[in-house]
Amino acid sequence: MKLPVYLYGHPVLRAVAADADPTAPELKKLVDDMFETMYASEGVGLAAPQIGRSERIVVIDADPVAETFPECKGRRLVLVNPDVEVLDGEKVTRSEGCLSLPGLSENVTRVEHIRLTWDDPDGVEHSEEISGFLARIVQHECDHLEGKMYIDHVSAIRRQLLRGKLNNIVEGRIRCEYPVKYAPRKRR
């Protein structure tokens, strides 16, 4: 089932997500719904907070960018309770966008090499060193589990320049090609 993507300003996007039970019977359905939502929104990753679930679950299908970033070829991941460890290495600045910030993109500096530990939906633990653009995707999605968004990695001046666009998202003054859920309106 295609679910609405929660947009910037919604409190669930700023909460630290709770651990998920990798053996919960409803997890596989949730993961299927997350993939369907991500594909319908033309994303390469989606974190559970982006669909209103404050749980530590991420889905990634990086294959659509594999022509440009070969390390992404065939990489379809379901990360339950992922943990990212930054490894020594180069930092690279690239443009990032986010389904929860439609129409925006900003340059973000991230490390190129991480160690990722996670459970799969069968409760099996995995650990892998990941590099390149795939490491960026993982870091971006795992930030959502900590209540962070990519705009938190840009300078205060840049965020100030984005204020009008961010307010338009919060106020629902944007058009989006996929189903969305806006932040609750504040009572005045």
N, C-alpha and C. Protein backbone atom coordinates (compact mmCIF):
# COMPACT_ATOMS: atom_id res chain seq x y z
N MET A 1 0.85 -1.17 0.00
CA MET A 1 0.00 0.00 0.00
C MET A 1 0.90 1.24 0.00
N LYS A 2 0.57 2.16 -0.90
CA LYS A 2 1.29 3.41 -0.98
C LYS A 2 0.86 4.29 0.20
N LEU A 3 1.84 4.80 0.94
CA LEU A 3 1.56 5.62 2.11
C LEU A 3 1.98 7.06 1.84
N PRO A 4 1.37 8.03 2.54
CA PRO A 4 1.81 9.41 2.36
C PRO A 4 3.19 9.63 3.00
N VAL A 5 3.98 10.47 2.37
CA VAL A 5 5.29 10.86 2.90
C VAL A 5 5.08 12.09 3.78
N TYR A 6 5.56 12.02 5.01
CA TYR A 6 5.44 13.14 5.94
C TYR A 6 6.47 14.20 5.57
N LEU A 7 6.00 15.44 5.52
CA LEU A 7 6.84 16.53 5.07
C LEU A 7 7.46 17.32 6.21
N TYR A 8 8.50 18.04 5.85
CA TYR A 8 9.22 18.92 6.77
C TYR A 8 8.22 19.70 7.63
N GLY A 9 8.52 19.78 8.90
CA GLY A 9 7.66 20.48 9.85
C GLY A 9 6.83 19.53 10.69
N HIS A 10 6.67 18.29 10.23
CA HIS A 10 5.92 17.31 11.02
C HIS A 10 6.81 16.83 12.17
N PRO A 11 6.27 16.83 13.39
CA PRO A 11 7.10 16.47 14.56
C PRO A 11 7.74 15.08 14.50
N VAL A 12 7.12 14.11 13.83
CA VAL A 12 7.69 12.76 13.79
C VAL A 12 9.07 12.77 13.12
N LEU A 13 9.32 13.74 12.25
CA LEU A 13 10.62 13.80 11.57
C LEU A 13 11.74 14.31 12.47
N ARG A 14 11.38 14.88 13.60
CA ARG A 14 12.39 15.42 14.52
C ARG A 14 12.55 14.58 15.79
N ALA A 15 11.81 13.49 15.87
CA ALA A 15 11.90 12.61 17.04
C ALA A 15 12.95 11.53 16.81
N VAL A 16 13.62 11.12 17.86
CA VAL A 16 14.53 9.97 17.77
C VAL A 16 13.66 8.72 17.76
N ALA A 17 13.84 7.91 16.73
CA ALA A 17 13.01 6.72 16.55
C ALA A 17 13.36 5.63 17.56
N ALA A 18 12.35 4.87 17.93
CA ALA A 18 12.52 3.75 18.86
C ALA A 18 13.00 2.52 18.11
N ASP A 19 13.68 1.64 18.83
CA ASP A 19 14.10 0.37 18.24
C ASP A 19 12.88 -0.39 17.73
N ALA A 20 13.07 -1.08 16.62
CA ALA A 20 12.01 -1.90 16.04
C ALA A 20 12.28 -3.36 16.37
N ASP A 21 11.22 -4.14 16.42
CA ASP A 21 11.34 -5.58 16.64
C ASP A 21 11.50 -6.24 15.28
N PRO A 22 12.70 -6.76 14.96
CA PRO A 22 12.91 -7.33 13.63
C PRO A 22 12.10 -8.60 13.37
N THR A 23 11.53 -9.17 14.41
CA THR A 23 10.75 -10.40 14.22
C THR A 23 9.24 -10.15 14.33
N ALA A 24 8.85 -8.89 14.44
CA ALA A 24 7.41 -8.58 14.55
C ALA A 24 6.69 -9.04 13.28
N PRO A 25 5.54 -9.70 13.44
CA PRO A 25 4.84 -10.23 12.27
C PRO A 25 4.42 -9.15 11.26
N GLU A 26 4.16 -7.96 11.72
CA GLU A 26 3.71 -6.89 10.81
C GLU A 26 4.87 -6.20 10.10
N LEU A 27 6.11 -6.53 10.45
CA LEU A 27 7.26 -5.84 9.86
C LEU A 27 7.36 -6.05 8.35
N LYS A 28 7.16 -7.26 7.89
CA LYS A 28 7.30 -7.54 6.45
C LYS A 28 6.29 -6.73 5.63
N LYS A 29 5.07 -6.59 6.12
CA LYS A 29 4.06 -5.78 5.43
C LYS A 29 4.47 -4.31 5.43
N LEU A 30 4.97 -3.82 6.56
CA LEU A 30 5.43 -2.44 6.64
C LEU A 30 6.57 -2.19 5.65
N VAL A 31 7.51 -3.12 5.58
CA VAL A 31 8.64 -2.98 4.65
C VAL A 31 8.14 -2.96 3.21
N ASP A 32 7.20 -3.84 2.88
CA ASP A 32 6.63 -3.84 1.53
C ASP A 32 5.97 -2.50 1.22
N ASP A 33 5.21 -1.98 2.18
CA ASP A 33 4.56 -0.67 2.00
C ASP A 33 5.58 0.44 1.84
N MET A 34 6.68 0.36 2.59
CA MET A 34 7.72 1.38 2.49
C MET A 34 8.37 1.35 1.10
N PHE A 35 8.67 0.15 0.59
CA PHE A 35 9.24 0.06 -0.75
C PHE A 35 8.25 0.61 -1.79
N GLU A 36 6.99 0.23 -1.68
CA GLU A 36 5.99 0.73 -2.64
C GLU A 36 5.90 2.25 -2.59
N THR A 37 5.92 2.81 -1.40
CA THR A 37 5.87 4.27 -1.23
C THR A 37 7.12 4.92 -1.82
N MET A 38 8.28 4.34 -1.55
CA MET A 38 9.54 4.89 -2.06
C MET A 38 9.56 4.86 -3.59
N TYR A 39 9.18 3.74 -4.18
CA TYR A 39 9.17 3.64 -5.64
C TYR A 39 8.18 4.62 -6.27
N ALA A 40 7.00 4.74 -5.69
CA ALA A 40 5.99 5.66 -6.21
C ALA A 40 6.45 7.11 -6.12
N SER A 41 7.32 7.40 -5.16
CA SER A 41 7.83 8.76 -4.95
C SER A 41 9.15 8.99 -5.67
N GLU A 42 9.63 7.95 -6.35
CA GLU A 42 10.89 7.99 -7.10
C GLU A 42 12.09 8.31 -6.22
N GLY A 43 12.11 7.72 -5.03
CA GLY A 43 13.24 7.85 -4.14
C GLY A 43 14.14 6.64 -4.22
N VAL A 44 15.32 6.75 -3.58
CA VAL A 44 16.23 5.60 -3.49
C VAL A 44 16.35 5.12 -2.05
N GLY A 45 15.69 5.82 -1.13
CA GLY A 45 15.70 5.42 0.27
C GLY A 45 14.50 6.03 0.98
N LEU A 46 14.09 5.37 2.05
CA LEU A 46 12.97 5.86 2.85
C LEU A 46 13.12 5.33 4.27
N ALA A 47 12.99 6.23 5.23
CA ALA A 47 13.04 5.85 6.65
C ALA A 47 11.63 5.85 7.22
N ALA A 48 11.37 4.98 8.18
CA ALA A 48 10.03 4.85 8.75
C ALA A 48 9.46 6.18 9.26
N PRO A 49 10.25 7.08 9.89
CA PRO A 49 9.66 8.36 10.30
C PRO A 49 9.04 9.14 9.14
N GLN A 50 9.53 8.91 7.93
CA GLN A 50 8.99 9.61 6.78
C GLN A 50 7.60 9.15 6.39
N ILE A 51 7.15 8.05 6.96
CA ILE A 51 5.76 7.61 6.77
C ILE A 51 5.01 7.66 8.10
N GLY A 52 5.56 8.41 9.04
CA GLY A 52 4.86 8.63 10.31
C GLY A 52 5.10 7.57 11.37
N ARG A 53 6.04 6.67 11.14
CA ARG A 53 6.34 5.60 12.10
C ARG A 53 7.67 5.90 12.76
N SER A 54 7.66 6.15 14.05
CA SER A 54 8.89 6.46 14.78
C SER A 54 9.58 5.16 15.20
N GLU A 55 10.03 4.43 14.18
CA GLU A 55 10.72 3.15 14.38
C GLU A 55 12.00 3.16 13.55
N ARG A 56 12.99 2.41 14.01
CA ARG A 56 14.30 2.38 13.36
C ARG A 56 14.31 1.37 12.21
N ILE A 57 13.66 1.78 11.11
CA ILE A 57 13.57 0.94 9.91
C ILE A 57 13.86 1.82 8.70
N VAL A 58 14.69 1.29 7.80
CA VAL A 58 15.05 2.00 6.57
C VAL A 58 14.97 1.00 5.41
N VAL A 59 14.46 1.47 4.28
CA VAL A 59 14.55 0.69 3.04
C VAL A 59 15.35 1.50 2.04
N ILE A 60 16.16 0.79 1.26
CA ILE A 60 17.00 1.43 0.24
C ILE A 60 17.00 0.54 -1.00
N ASP A 61 16.85 1.18 -2.15
CA ASP A 61 17.11 0.53 -3.43
C ASP A 61 17.93 1.52 -4.24
N ALA A 62 19.23 1.34 -4.23
CA ALA A 62 20.16 2.28 -4.86
C ALA A 62 20.41 1.97 -6.33
N ASP A 63 19.84 0.90 -6.83
CA ASP A 63 20.09 0.48 -8.21
C ASP A 63 19.79 1.57 -9.26
N PRO A 64 18.77 2.42 -9.07
CA PRO A 64 18.50 3.44 -10.09
C PRO A 64 19.66 4.43 -10.34
N VAL A 65 20.58 4.56 -9.41
CA VAL A 65 21.71 5.49 -9.60
C VAL A 65 23.01 4.73 -9.92
N ALA A 66 22.91 3.44 -10.21
CA ALA A 66 24.10 2.61 -10.41
C ALA A 66 24.89 2.98 -11.65
N GLU A 67 24.26 3.57 -12.65
CA GLU A 67 25.00 3.96 -13.84
C GLU A 67 26.05 5.02 -13.50
N THR A 68 25.69 5.92 -12.60
CA THR A 68 26.62 6.97 -12.17
C THR A 68 27.50 6.51 -11.02
N PHE A 69 26.93 5.69 -10.13
CA PHE A 69 27.63 5.22 -8.93
C PHE A 69 27.61 3.69 -8.92
N PRO A 70 28.61 3.03 -9.51
CA PRO A 70 28.61 1.57 -9.67
C PRO A 70 28.46 0.80 -8.35
N GLU A 71 28.91 1.38 -7.23
CA GLU A 71 28.79 0.68 -5.95
C GLU A 71 27.33 0.48 -5.53
N CYS A 72 26.42 1.13 -6.23
CA CYS A 72 24.99 1.04 -5.91
C CYS A 72 24.28 -0.07 -6.68
N LYS A 73 24.97 -0.69 -7.63
CA LYS A 73 24.36 -1.73 -8.48
C LYS A 73 23.82 -2.88 -7.64
N GLY A 74 22.53 -3.15 -7.81
CA GLY A 74 21.90 -4.28 -7.14
C GLY A 74 21.75 -4.14 -5.64
N ARG A 75 21.96 -2.95 -5.10
CA ARG A 75 21.90 -2.78 -3.64
C ARG A 75 20.49 -2.42 -3.20
N ARG A 76 19.79 -3.42 -2.72
CA ARG A 76 18.44 -3.28 -2.15
C ARG A 76 18.53 -3.78 -0.72
N LEU A 77 18.32 -2.87 0.23
CA LEU A 77 18.54 -3.19 1.64
C LEU A 77 17.30 -2.89 2.47
N VAL A 78 17.10 -3.72 3.47
CA VAL A 78 16.13 -3.45 4.54
C VAL A 78 16.95 -3.41 5.82
N LEU A 79 16.99 -2.24 6.45
CA LEU A 79 17.80 -2.04 7.64
C LEU A 79 16.88 -1.88 8.84
N VAL A 80 16.97 -2.80 9.77
CA VAL A 80 16.22 -2.72 11.02
C VAL A 80 17.23 -2.43 12.12
N ASN A 81 16.97 -1.36 12.86
CA ASN A 81 17.87 -0.91 13.93
C ASN A 81 19.31 -0.73 13.44
N PRO A 82 19.50 0.01 12.35
CA PRO A 82 20.86 0.19 11.82
C PRO A 82 21.71 1.06 12.73
N ASP A 83 23.01 0.77 12.68
CA ASP A 83 24.00 1.57 13.41
C ASP A 83 25.11 1.91 12.43
N VAL A 84 25.42 3.19 12.31
CA VAL A 84 26.45 3.66 11.39
C VAL A 84 27.67 4.08 12.19
N GLU A 85 28.81 3.51 11.83
CA GLU A 85 30.09 3.91 12.41
C GLU A 85 30.90 4.59 11.32
N VAL A 86 31.30 5.81 11.57
CA VAL A 86 32.11 6.56 10.60
C VAL A 86 33.53 6.02 10.65
N LEU A 87 34.06 5.67 9.49
CA LEU A 87 35.43 5.19 9.40
C LEU A 87 36.30 6.31 8.83
N ASP A 88 37.60 6.22 9.08
CA ASP A 88 38.50 7.24 8.56
C ASP A 88 38.37 7.31 7.04
N GLY A 89 38.52 8.50 6.55
CA GLY A 89 38.48 8.63 5.10
C GLY A 89 38.06 10.01 4.67
N GLU A 90 38.01 10.14 3.39
CA GLU A 90 37.70 11.41 2.75
C GLU A 90 36.25 11.82 2.99
N LYS A 91 36.06 13.14 3.07
CA LYS A 91 34.72 13.71 3.09
C LYS A 91 34.46 14.30 1.71
N VAL A 92 33.25 14.09 1.24
CA VAL A 92 32.88 14.55 -0.10
C VAL A 92 31.60 15.35 0.01
N THR A 93 31.52 16.43 -0.76
CA THR A 93 30.32 17.26 -0.81
C THR A 93 29.56 16.95 -2.09
N ARG A 94 28.29 16.62 -1.93
CA ARG A 94 27.41 16.34 -3.06
C ARG A 94 26.03 16.90 -2.76
N SER A 95 25.27 17.08 -3.80
CA SER A 95 23.90 17.55 -3.66
C SER A 95 23.02 16.41 -3.14
N GLU A 96 22.15 16.73 -2.20
CA GLU A 96 21.18 15.78 -1.67
C GLU A 96 19.79 16.39 -1.73
N GLY A 97 18.83 15.52 -1.93
CA GLY A 97 17.43 15.89 -1.84
C GLY A 97 16.75 14.93 -0.89
N CYS A 98 15.47 15.14 -0.65
CA CYS A 98 14.76 14.29 0.32
C CYS A 98 13.27 14.32 -0.01
N LEU A 99 12.63 13.17 0.06
CA LEU A 99 11.19 13.10 -0.19
C LEU A 99 10.40 13.97 0.79
N SER A 100 10.94 14.20 1.97
CA SER A 100 10.26 15.02 2.98
C SER A 100 10.52 16.51 2.78
N LEU A 101 11.36 16.85 1.83
CA LEU A 101 11.66 18.24 1.48
C LEU A 101 11.53 18.40 -0.04
N PRO A 102 10.32 18.21 -0.57
CA PRO A 102 10.16 18.20 -2.03
C PRO A 102 10.58 19.52 -2.67
N GLY A 103 11.25 19.37 -3.81
CA GLY A 103 11.65 20.54 -4.57
C GLY A 103 12.94 21.19 -4.10
N LEU A 104 13.54 20.69 -3.04
CA LEU A 104 14.77 21.28 -2.51
C LEU A 104 15.94 20.31 -2.69
N SER A 105 17.12 20.88 -2.82
CA SER A 105 18.36 20.10 -2.75
C SER A 105 19.45 21.05 -2.30
N GLU A 106 20.40 20.50 -1.57
CA GLU A 106 21.51 21.29 -1.03
C GLU A 106 22.77 20.44 -1.04
N ASN A 107 23.91 21.11 -1.10
CA ASN A 107 25.19 20.42 -0.99
C ASN A 107 25.44 20.04 0.47
N VAL A 108 25.76 18.77 0.68
CA VAL A 108 26.01 18.24 2.01
C VAL A 108 27.34 17.50 1.99
N THR A 109 28.16 17.74 3.02
CA THR A 109 29.44 17.05 3.15
C THR A 109 29.27 15.86 4.07
N ARG A 110 29.67 14.70 3.58
CA ARG A 110 29.59 13.46 4.37
C ARG A 110 30.85 12.64 4.13
N VAL A 111 31.11 11.73 5.08
CA VAL A 111 32.23 10.80 4.91
C VAL A 111 31.87 9.79 3.82
N GLU A 112 32.90 9.24 3.21
CA GLU A 112 32.72 8.31 2.10
C GLU A 112 32.82 6.85 2.52
N HIS A 113 33.14 6.59 3.79
CA HIS A 113 33.38 5.21 4.20
C HIS A 113 32.80 4.99 5.59
N ILE A 114 31.90 4.01 5.70
CA ILE A 114 31.24 3.71 6.98
C ILE A 114 31.23 2.21 7.22
N ARG A 115 30.98 1.86 8.47
CA ARG A 115 30.65 0.47 8.80
C ARG A 115 29.19 0.49 9.24
N LEU A 116 28.40 -0.35 8.61
CA LEU A 116 26.97 -0.43 8.89
C LEU A 116 26.66 -1.77 9.54
N THR A 117 25.96 -1.72 10.66
CA THR A 117 25.49 -2.92 11.34
C THR A 117 23.97 -2.82 11.42
N TRP A 118 23.27 -3.90 11.12
CA TRP A 118 21.81 -3.88 11.13
C TRP A 118 21.25 -5.28 11.23
N ASP A 119 19.98 -5.36 11.55
CA ASP A 119 19.23 -6.62 11.51
C ASP A 119 18.40 -6.61 10.24
N ASP A 120 18.16 -7.79 9.69
CA ASP A 120 17.23 -7.89 8.57
C ASP A 120 15.85 -8.28 9.12
N PRO A 121 14.82 -8.34 8.28
CA PRO A 121 13.47 -8.66 8.79
C PRO A 121 13.31 -10.07 9.34
N ASP A 122 14.34 -10.90 9.23
CA ASP A 122 14.30 -12.22 9.84
C ASP A 122 15.04 -12.24 11.17
N GLY A 123 15.54 -11.06 11.61
CA GLY A 123 16.25 -10.97 12.87
C GLY A 123 17.72 -11.34 12.78
N VAL A 124 18.25 -11.50 11.56
CA VAL A 124 19.65 -11.86 11.37
C VAL A 124 20.48 -10.58 11.35
N GLU A 125 21.56 -10.56 12.15
CA GLU A 125 22.42 -9.38 12.19
C GLU A 125 23.44 -9.41 11.06
N HIS A 126 23.68 -8.23 10.49
CA HIS A 126 24.66 -8.07 9.41
C HIS A 126 25.60 -6.93 9.76
N SER A 127 26.81 -6.98 9.20
CA SER A 127 27.77 -5.89 9.33
C SER A 127 28.55 -5.81 8.04
N GLU A 128 28.74 -4.59 7.55
CA GLU A 128 29.41 -4.42 6.26
C GLU A 128 30.05 -3.03 6.20
N GLU A 129 31.23 -2.97 5.59
CA GLU A 129 31.82 -1.68 5.29
C GLU A 129 31.27 -1.22 3.95
N ILE A 130 30.85 0.03 3.90
CA ILE A 130 30.21 0.58 2.70
C ILE A 130 30.90 1.89 2.35
N SER A 131 31.10 2.10 1.06
CA SER A 131 31.79 3.30 0.59
C SER A 131 31.00 3.99 -0.51
N GLY A 132 31.44 5.21 -0.82
CA GLY A 132 30.90 5.94 -1.95
C GLY A 132 29.49 6.46 -1.74
N PHE A 133 28.77 6.54 -2.84
CA PHE A 133 27.43 7.13 -2.81
C PHE A 133 26.47 6.29 -1.98
N LEU A 134 26.66 4.98 -1.96
CA LEU A 134 25.81 4.13 -1.12
C LEU A 134 25.96 4.50 0.35
N ALA A 135 27.18 4.82 0.77
CA ALA A 135 27.40 5.26 2.16
C ALA A 135 26.65 6.55 2.43
N ARG A 136 26.57 7.43 1.45
CA ARG A 136 25.82 8.69 1.59
C ARG A 136 24.33 8.40 1.77
N ILE A 137 23.79 7.51 0.94
CA ILE A 137 22.37 7.17 1.05
C ILE A 137 22.07 6.62 2.44
N VAL A 138 22.91 5.70 2.90
CA VAL A 138 22.70 5.09 4.23
C VAL A 138 22.74 6.17 5.31
N GLN A 139 23.74 7.05 5.27
CA GLN A 139 23.85 8.10 6.29
C GLN A 139 22.64 9.02 6.26
N HIS A 140 22.19 9.39 5.06
CA HIS A 140 21.03 10.27 4.92
C HIS A 140 19.80 9.64 5.56
N GLU A 141 19.54 8.37 5.23
CA GLU A 141 18.35 7.71 5.77
C GLU A 141 18.46 7.46 7.27
N CYS A 142 19.65 7.09 7.74
CA CYS A 142 19.83 6.85 9.17
C CYS A 142 19.75 8.13 9.98
N ASP A 143 20.08 9.27 9.37
CA ASP A 143 19.86 10.55 10.04
C ASP A 143 18.40 10.71 10.44
N HIS A 144 17.48 10.29 9.57
CA HIS A 144 16.05 10.40 9.88
C HIS A 144 15.71 9.68 11.18
N LEU A 145 16.40 8.60 11.46
CA LEU A 145 16.12 7.82 12.68
C LEU A 145 16.56 8.57 13.93
N GLU A 146 17.44 9.54 13.75
CA GLU A 146 17.94 10.36 14.86
C GLU A 146 17.22 11.71 14.94
N GLY A 147 16.19 11.89 14.12
CA GLY A 147 15.46 13.15 14.11
C GLY A 147 16.18 14.25 13.36
N LYS A 148 17.09 13.87 12.46
CA LYS A 148 17.87 14.84 11.69
C LYS A 148 17.47 14.77 10.22
N MET A 149 17.70 15.88 9.53
CA MET A 149 17.47 15.95 8.10
C MET A 149 18.71 16.55 7.45
N TYR A 150 18.84 16.37 6.14
CA TYR A 150 20.07 16.82 5.49
C TYR A 150 20.28 18.32 5.65
N ILE A 151 19.23 19.10 5.79
CA ILE A 151 19.41 20.55 5.95
C ILE A 151 20.10 20.90 7.26
N ASP A 152 20.13 19.95 8.20
CA ASP A 152 20.86 20.18 9.46
C ASP A 152 22.37 20.17 9.23
N HIS A 153 22.81 19.68 8.07
CA HIS A 153 24.23 19.60 7.76
C HIS A 153 24.72 20.79 6.93
N VAL A 154 23.82 21.70 6.58
CA VAL A 154 24.24 22.88 5.82
C VAL A 154 24.43 24.05 6.77
N SER A 155 25.11 25.07 6.31
CA SER A 155 25.44 26.21 7.17
C SER A 155 24.18 26.95 7.61
N ALA A 156 24.30 27.65 8.72
CA ALA A 156 23.18 28.45 9.24
C ALA A 156 22.75 29.50 8.22
N ILE A 157 23.69 30.04 7.50
CA ILE A 157 23.36 31.04 6.48
C ILE A 157 22.52 30.41 5.37
N ARG A 158 22.91 29.23 4.93
CA ARG A 158 22.16 28.52 3.88
C ARG A 158 20.74 28.21 4.37
N ARG A 159 20.63 27.76 5.62
CA ARG A 159 19.29 27.45 6.18
C ARG A 159 18.45 28.71 6.22
N GLN A 160 19.06 29.83 6.56
CA GLN A 160 18.33 31.10 6.59
C GLN A 160 17.82 31.45 5.19
N LEU A 161 18.65 31.21 4.19
CA LEU A 161 18.24 31.48 2.81
C LEU A 161 17.11 30.56 2.35
N LEU A 162 17.01 29.39 2.97
CA LEU A 162 15.96 28.42 2.63
C LEU A 162 14.66 28.66 3.41
N ARG A 163 14.69 29.55 4.36
CA ARG A 163 13.57 29.73 5.27
C ARG A 163 12.22 29.86 4.55
N GLY A 164 12.15 30.67 3.52
CA GLY A 164 10.90 30.86 2.79
C GLY A 164 10.39 29.57 2.18
N LYS A 165 11.30 28.81 1.56
CA LYS A 165 10.92 27.54 0.94
C LYS A 165 10.49 26.52 2.00
N LEU A 166 11.19 26.50 3.13
CA LEU A 166 10.81 25.59 4.22
C LEU A 166 9.44 25.97 4.78
N ASN A 167 9.20 27.27 4.94
CA ASN A 167 7.89 27.72 5.42
C ASN A 167 6.78 27.33 4.45
N ASN A 168 7.06 27.38 3.15
CA ASN A 168 6.06 26.96 2.17
C ASN A 168 5.70 25.50 2.34
N ILE A 169 6.69 24.67 2.64
CA ILE A 169 6.41 23.24 2.88
C ILE A 169 5.54 23.09 4.13
N VAL A 170 5.93 23.75 5.22
CA VAL A 170 5.19 23.65 6.48
C VAL A 170 3.75 24.13 6.30
N GLU A 171 3.56 25.18 5.54
CA GLU A 171 2.23 25.77 5.35
C GLU A 171 1.42 25.07 4.26
N GLY A 172 2.00 24.06 3.60
CA GLY A 172 1.27 23.33 2.58
C GLY A 172 1.14 24.09 1.27
N ARG A 173 2.03 25.02 1.03
CA ARG A 173 1.98 25.81 -0.21
C ARG A 173 2.94 25.25 -1.27
N ILE A 174 2.91 23.95 -1.44
CA ILE A 174 3.74 23.30 -2.45
C ILE A 174 2.89 22.27 -3.18
N ARG A 175 3.33 21.89 -4.34
CA ARG A 175 2.68 20.81 -5.08
C ARG A 175 3.65 19.63 -5.10
N CYS A 176 3.10 18.47 -4.95
CA CYS A 176 3.93 17.27 -4.88
C CYS A 176 3.30 16.20 -5.76
N GLU A 177 4.14 15.41 -6.42
CA GLU A 177 3.66 14.37 -7.33
C GLU A 177 3.30 13.06 -6.62
N TYR A 178 3.52 13.00 -5.32
CA TYR A 178 3.22 11.79 -4.56
C TYR A 178 2.40 12.19 -3.33
N PRO A 179 1.68 11.22 -2.75
CA PRO A 179 0.86 11.54 -1.57
C PRO A 179 1.73 12.01 -0.40
N VAL A 180 1.29 13.07 0.28
CA VAL A 180 2.06 13.63 1.38
C VAL A 180 1.16 13.91 2.58
N LYS A 181 1.81 14.08 3.72
CA LYS A 181 1.13 14.47 4.95
C LYS A 181 1.86 15.70 5.47
N TYR A 182 1.13 16.78 5.59
CA TYR A 182 1.72 18.02 6.07
C TYR A 182 1.79 18.05 7.59
N ALA A 183 2.58 18.97 8.09
CA ALA A 183 2.67 19.18 9.54
C ALA A 183 1.31 19.62 10.05
N PRO A 184 0.98 19.21 11.28
CA PRO A 184 -0.30 19.67 11.86
C PRO A 184 -0.30 21.20 11.96
N ARG A 185 -1.45 21.77 11.65
CA ARG A 185 -1.59 23.24 11.75
C ARG A 185 -1.60 23.66 13.20
N LYS A 186 -0.91 24.75 13.48
CA LYS A 186 -0.89 25.29 14.84
C LYS A 186 -2.14 26.13 15.05
N ARG A 187 -2.75 25.98 16.19
CA ARG A 187 -3.93 26.79 16.52
C ARG A 187 -3.49 28.17 16.95
N ARG A 188 -4.21 29.13 16.50
CA ARG A 188 -3.86 30.52 16.84
C ARG A 188 -4.87 31.09 17.78
